[in-house]
Amino acid sequence: MGEGWIRAMISAEAVEEFKRLYFREHGMKLTNEQAVDMGNKLIRLVKVVFGPNLPEEWKPQKLDSVGPKKVR
């Protein structure tokens, strides 16, 4: 399995949700930087635990149809 899905940027919406969940569970507010760092660490942990067996619904959708096409 390639590592491309790991390098995906975490959306601003996901960062805010992570901050909200972290506050609810631990009573501490995170900065955006802390939330992004912790979110990336969580993603790496999930990759290590599941390896190539990551459930399909957890993988990001490919955006092949979005954005500029490569010119040949």
Foldseek 3Di string as FASTA:
>chain_A
DDCVQLPDADDPVNLVVQQVVCCVVPVDGDDSVVSRVVVSVVSVVVCVVCPVNPDPVPGDDDPVVDDDDDDD
